[in-house]
Protein backbone atom coordinates (compact mmCIF):
# COMPACT_ATOMS: atom_id res chain seq x y z
CA MET A 1 86.49 115.84 88.84
CA PRO A 2 86.78 118.45 91.39
CA GLU A 3 87.97 121.95 90.16
CA SER A 4 89.82 122.63 93.45
CA TYR A 5 92.32 120.32 95.19
CA VAL A 6 95.88 120.42 96.77
CA VAL A 7 98.88 118.66 95.18
CA VAL A 8 101.42 117.60 97.96
CA ASP A 9 104.83 116.12 98.24
CA LEU A 10 106.89 115.35 101.08
CA GLU A 11 110.60 114.60 101.72
CA MET A 12 111.39 112.41 104.67
CA THR A 13 114.12 110.82 106.50
CA GLY A 14 113.22 107.33 105.67
CA LEU A 15 110.21 105.21 104.27
CA GLN A 16 108.15 104.39 107.31
CA ALA A 17 105.64 106.78 108.86
CA ARG A 18 105.83 105.06 112.24
CA THR A 19 109.52 105.34 112.55
CA ASP A 20 110.90 108.01 110.23
CA ARG A 21 110.44 111.81 110.11
CA ILE A 22 109.28 114.54 107.84
CA LEU A 23 111.97 116.62 106.28
CA GLU A 24 110.17 119.02 104.01
CA ILE A 25 106.49 119.69 102.71
CA GLY A 26 105.57 121.17 99.45
CA ALA A 27 102.18 121.86 98.00
CA VAL A 28 100.30 123.54 95.22
CA LYS A 29 96.72 124.72 95.76
CA VAL A 30 94.63 124.50 92.67
CA GLU A 31 91.34 126.57 92.73
CA LYS A 32 88.98 126.21 89.88
CA GLY A 33 91.56 124.64 87.69
CA ARG A 34 94.17 127.25 88.21
CA GLU A 35 97.16 127.43 90.45
CA ASP A 36 96.37 129.61 93.26
CA GLN A 37 98.77 129.34 96.23
CA VAL A 38 101.94 127.33 97.26
CA PHE A 39 103.07 126.03 100.58
CA HIS A 40 106.64 125.14 101.54
CA ARG A 41 108.16 124.41 104.79
CA MET A 42 111.55 122.86 105.64
CA VAL A 43 111.22 120.73 108.87
CA ASN A 44 113.79 120.16 111.58
CA PRO A 45 113.83 116.38 112.26
CA HIS A 46 116.01 116.85 115.20
CA MET A 47 118.36 114.05 114.22
CA GLU A 48 121.35 113.52 111.80
CA LEU A 49 120.60 112.99 108.08
CA SER A 50 121.86 109.95 106.34
CA GLU A 51 124.35 110.37 103.56
CA GLU A 52 121.79 108.58 101.27
CA ILE A 53 119.19 111.23 102.09
CA ILE A 54 121.54 114.15 101.75
CA LYS A 55 122.67 112.93 98.35
CA LEU A 56 119.18 112.29 97.15
CA THR A 57 117.55 115.56 98.15
CA GLY A 58 120.42 117.93 98.48
CA ILE A 59 119.05 119.02 101.88
CA THR A 60 121.97 119.19 104.23
CA GLY A 61 121.89 118.80 108.13
CA GLU A 62 122.62 122.57 108.51
CA MET A 63 119.48 123.33 106.23
CA ALA A 64 117.29 121.07 108.16
CA GLN A 65 118.33 122.57 111.45
CA LYS A 66 116.89 125.75 110.33
CA GLY A 67 113.64 124.36 109.63
CA CYS A 68 110.30 124.77 111.69
CA GLU A 69 109.06 122.28 114.15
CA THR A 70 107.18 119.33 112.61
CA GLU A 71 104.06 120.28 114.61
CA GLU A 72 104.00 123.70 113.28
CA ALA A 73 104.45 122.41 109.83
CA VAL A 74 101.84 119.73 109.71
CA LYS A 75 99.17 121.93 111.43
CA GLU A 76 99.93 124.77 108.82
CA PHE A 77 99.61 122.24 105.97
CA GLN A 78 96.41 120.90 107.56
CA GLU A 79 94.99 124.46 107.58
CA PHE A 80 96.35 125.18 104.02
CA SER A 81 94.55 122.00 102.57
CA GLU A 82 91.18 122.27 104.75
CA GLY A 83 88.13 121.43 102.77
CA LEU A 84 90.06 120.03 99.63
CA PRO A 85 91.15 116.60 98.45
CA LEU A 86 94.78 115.88 98.24
CA VAL A 87 96.60 114.86 94.96
CA GLY A 88 100.03 113.35 94.76
CA HIS A 89 102.31 110.58 93.30
CA ASN A 90 101.75 107.65 95.53
CA ILE A 91 99.58 109.93 97.77
CA LEU A 92 99.13 107.39 100.40
CA PHE A 93 102.70 107.34 101.26
CA ASP A 94 102.75 111.04 101.97
CA TYR A 95 99.47 111.16 103.70
CA SER A 96 100.65 108.42 106.07
CA PHE A 97 103.40 110.74 107.38
CA LEU A 98 101.00 113.73 107.58
CA LYS A 99 98.26 111.77 109.37
CA GLN A 100 100.78 110.04 111.84
CA TYR A 101 102.18 113.45 113.01
CA ILE A 102 98.84 115.24 113.21
CA VAL A 103 97.49 112.45 115.33
CA ASN A 104 100.73 112.55 117.51
CA TYR A 105 99.87 116.28 118.18
CA GLY A 106 96.32 115.45 119.21
CA GLY A 107 94.61 116.21 115.82
CA THR A 108 92.53 114.26 113.23
CA PHE A 109 93.34 114.21 109.55
CA GLU A 110 90.79 112.40 107.38
CA LYS A 111 91.06 113.30 103.60
CA GLU A 112 90.01 112.16 100.17
CA GLY A 113 92.70 112.01 97.52
CA ILE A 114 93.67 111.16 94.05
CA ASP A 115 96.85 109.28 93.03
CA THR A 116 98.77 110.16 89.95
CA LEU A 117 100.76 106.95 90.25
CA LYS A 118 97.47 104.86 89.92
CA LEU A 119 96.38 107.05 86.93
CA ALA A 120 99.78 106.70 85.27
CA ARG A 121 99.63 102.82 85.57
CA LYS A 122 96.09 102.89 84.19
CA PHE A 123 96.51 105.39 81.26
CA LEU A 124 100.20 105.47 80.31
CA PRO A 125 101.04 101.62 79.72
CA GLU A 126 103.62 102.71 77.13
CA ALA A 127 105.86 104.41 79.88
CA GLU A 128 108.37 101.98 80.95
CA LYS A 129 108.51 103.18 84.58
CA LYS A 130 105.79 104.91 86.51
CA THR A 131 108.00 106.94 88.87
CA LEU A 132 107.75 110.70 89.10
CA ASP A 133 111.36 111.01 87.86
CA TYR A 134 110.82 108.93 84.86
CA LEU A 135 107.41 110.38 83.94
CA CYS A 136 108.77 113.85 84.07
CA GLU A 137 111.36 112.98 81.60
CA PHE A 138 108.98 110.84 79.49
CA LEU A 139 106.57 113.70 79.23
CA GLY A 140 108.80 116.63 79.22
CA ILE A 141 107.64 118.11 82.57
CA PHE A 142 110.39 120.53 83.83
CA ARG A 143 111.78 120.58 87.40
CA GLU A 144 114.45 122.87 88.67
CA GLN A 145 115.52 120.29 91.15
CA ASN A 146 114.48 116.56 91.70
CA HIS A 147 113.49 115.25 95.11
CA ARG A 148 112.59 118.44 96.68
CA ALA A 149 109.08 118.77 97.94
CA LEU A 150 107.82 121.99 96.34
CA GLU A 151 109.29 121.09 92.89
CA ASP A 152 107.86 117.47 93.02
CA ALA A 153 104.56 118.85 94.09
CA LYS A 154 104.33 121.26 91.04
CA ALA A 155 105.51 118.39 88.77
CA ALA A 156 102.93 116.10 90.09
CA ALA A 157 100.32 118.94 89.39
CA GLU A 158 101.45 119.11 85.86
CA LEU A 159 101.42 115.37 85.38
CA PHE A 160 97.81 115.50 86.82
CA ARG A 161 96.69 118.06 84.47
CA TYR A 162 98.23 116.08 81.45
CA LEU A 163 96.44 112.87 82.61
CA GLN A 164 93.13 114.68 83.14
CA GLU A 165 93.20 116.55 79.82
CA ARG A 166 93.74 113.53 77.82
CA PHE A 167 92.04 110.75 79.65
CA GLU A 168 89.21 111.86 81.83
CA PHE A 169 86.58 111.65 79.16
CA GLN A 170 87.38 107.92 78.74
CA GLU A 171 86.78 107.22 82.35
CA PRO A 172 85.75 110.15 84.52
CA GLU A 173 85.29 108.28 87.89
CA ALA A 174 89.16 107.44 87.69
CA PHE A 175 89.73 111.21 88.35
CA TRP A 176 87.36 111.61 91.37
CA PRO A 177 88.87 111.57 94.90
CA LYS A 178 88.45 108.66 97.21
CA PRO A 179 88.88 108.29 100.95
CA LEU A 180 92.42 107.80 101.95
CA GLN A 181 92.80 104.75 104.30
CA TYR A 182 95.48 104.71 106.87
CA LYS A 183 95.26 103.66 110.34
CA VAL A 184 97.42 105.16 113.03
CA LYS A 185 97.84 105.22 116.67
CA ARG A 186 99.01 108.24 118.69
CA GLN A 187 102.69 108.11 119.51
CA GLY A 188 103.37 109.84 122.89
CA PRO A 189 106.67 111.48 123.81
CA ALA A 190 109.37 109.63 125.49
CA SER A 191 109.29 109.45 129.29
CA PRO A 192 112.06 110.93 131.45
CA ARG A 193 112.96 107.59 132.61
CA GLN A 194 113.32 106.40 129.06
CA LYS A 195 115.47 109.36 128.09
CA LYS A 196 117.72 109.07 131.39
CA ARG A 197 118.28 105.23 130.52
CA LEU A 198 119.32 106.13 126.78
CA GLU A 199 121.74 108.94 128.23
CA GLU A 200 123.29 106.45 130.61
CA LEU A 201 123.77 103.69 127.92
CA ALA A 202 125.11 106.14 125.33
CA ARG A 203 127.61 107.57 127.98
CA TRP A 204 128.60 104.07 129.24
CA HIS A 205 129.27 102.62 125.69
CA ASN A 206 130.65 105.67 124.40
CA ILE A 207 128.00 106.00 121.69
CA GLU A 208 126.93 109.32 120.01
CA LEU A 209 123.22 109.31 119.54
CA GLN A 210 122.10 110.46 116.12
CA VAL A 211 118.79 111.87 117.54
CA GLU A 212 117.78 114.48 119.94
CA LEU A 213 116.41 112.86 123.20
CA ASP A 214 113.72 115.25 123.60
CA SER A 215 112.26 114.69 120.14
CA LEU A 216 111.79 110.96 120.61
CA THR A 217 108.50 109.00 121.10
CA ARG A 218 108.01 106.29 123.53
CA ASN A 219 108.39 103.77 120.70
CA GLU A 220 111.45 105.33 119.26
CA ALA A 221 113.02 105.52 122.55
CA SER A 222 112.29 101.84 123.22
CA ARG A 223 113.71 100.79 119.59
CA ILE A 224 116.92 102.71 120.11
CA THR A 225 117.43 101.36 123.69
CA ASP A 226 116.82 97.78 122.38
CA ARG A 227 119.30 98.20 119.50
CA ILE A 228 122.08 99.60 121.92
CA LEU A 229 121.39 96.65 124.17
CA ALA A 230 121.56 94.09 121.47
CA ALA A 231 124.81 95.66 120.03
CA TYR A 232 126.76 96.49 123.19
CA GLY A 233 124.98 94.93 126.17
CA LYS A 234 123.85 96.25 129.53
CA ILE A 235 125.66 98.45 131.88
CA PRO A 236 127.33 96.29 134.40
CA ARG A 237 126.23 96.58 138.08
């Protein structure tokens, strides 16, 4: 079991790394078994947040608009976590978003990780659910606020320490980091032609777009265009 690692949690606008966006990054760096540094960035997703996300996280559109750019946030996190494995609850989920955006910005992000969700499934069969919310209540792990990135990262760090202290001697290899496997393709920015077409469609059909055009990737622009055409039709010639 490594003595140094980074526990990370993200809040996102949805569940798919290829189509949704990072909203918040929180992380705790543990060095030689002790909490050393914390990392927190609110991220501007350049889109309106759904009522579901606002209710779940407590993050409002106004708060998000004051956040930094995604490129800045993910590159700073990459530097923060350099040389260390990642720990998280369902870590591949958070890693998929980080890797997708780092690749989009021309970087690479290959990491090893330890998943507290897998550890909980293995060593806590008596816990009725294995969500972070349930396990915090089950084990008495305190959080000031649920579903905020830094608080959830701190909670996952406490969960990992609990599991390690009680079960590592039984099966040490379960607590060693393993390569995180997630394949991504770089998503380039939307072309001027794509953005112009979207603007024209939105204006003609009197639609208010929920996302800033300059933040779109090519794939995002194509998907939104297809949805508008399917729902409203083409612009008459």
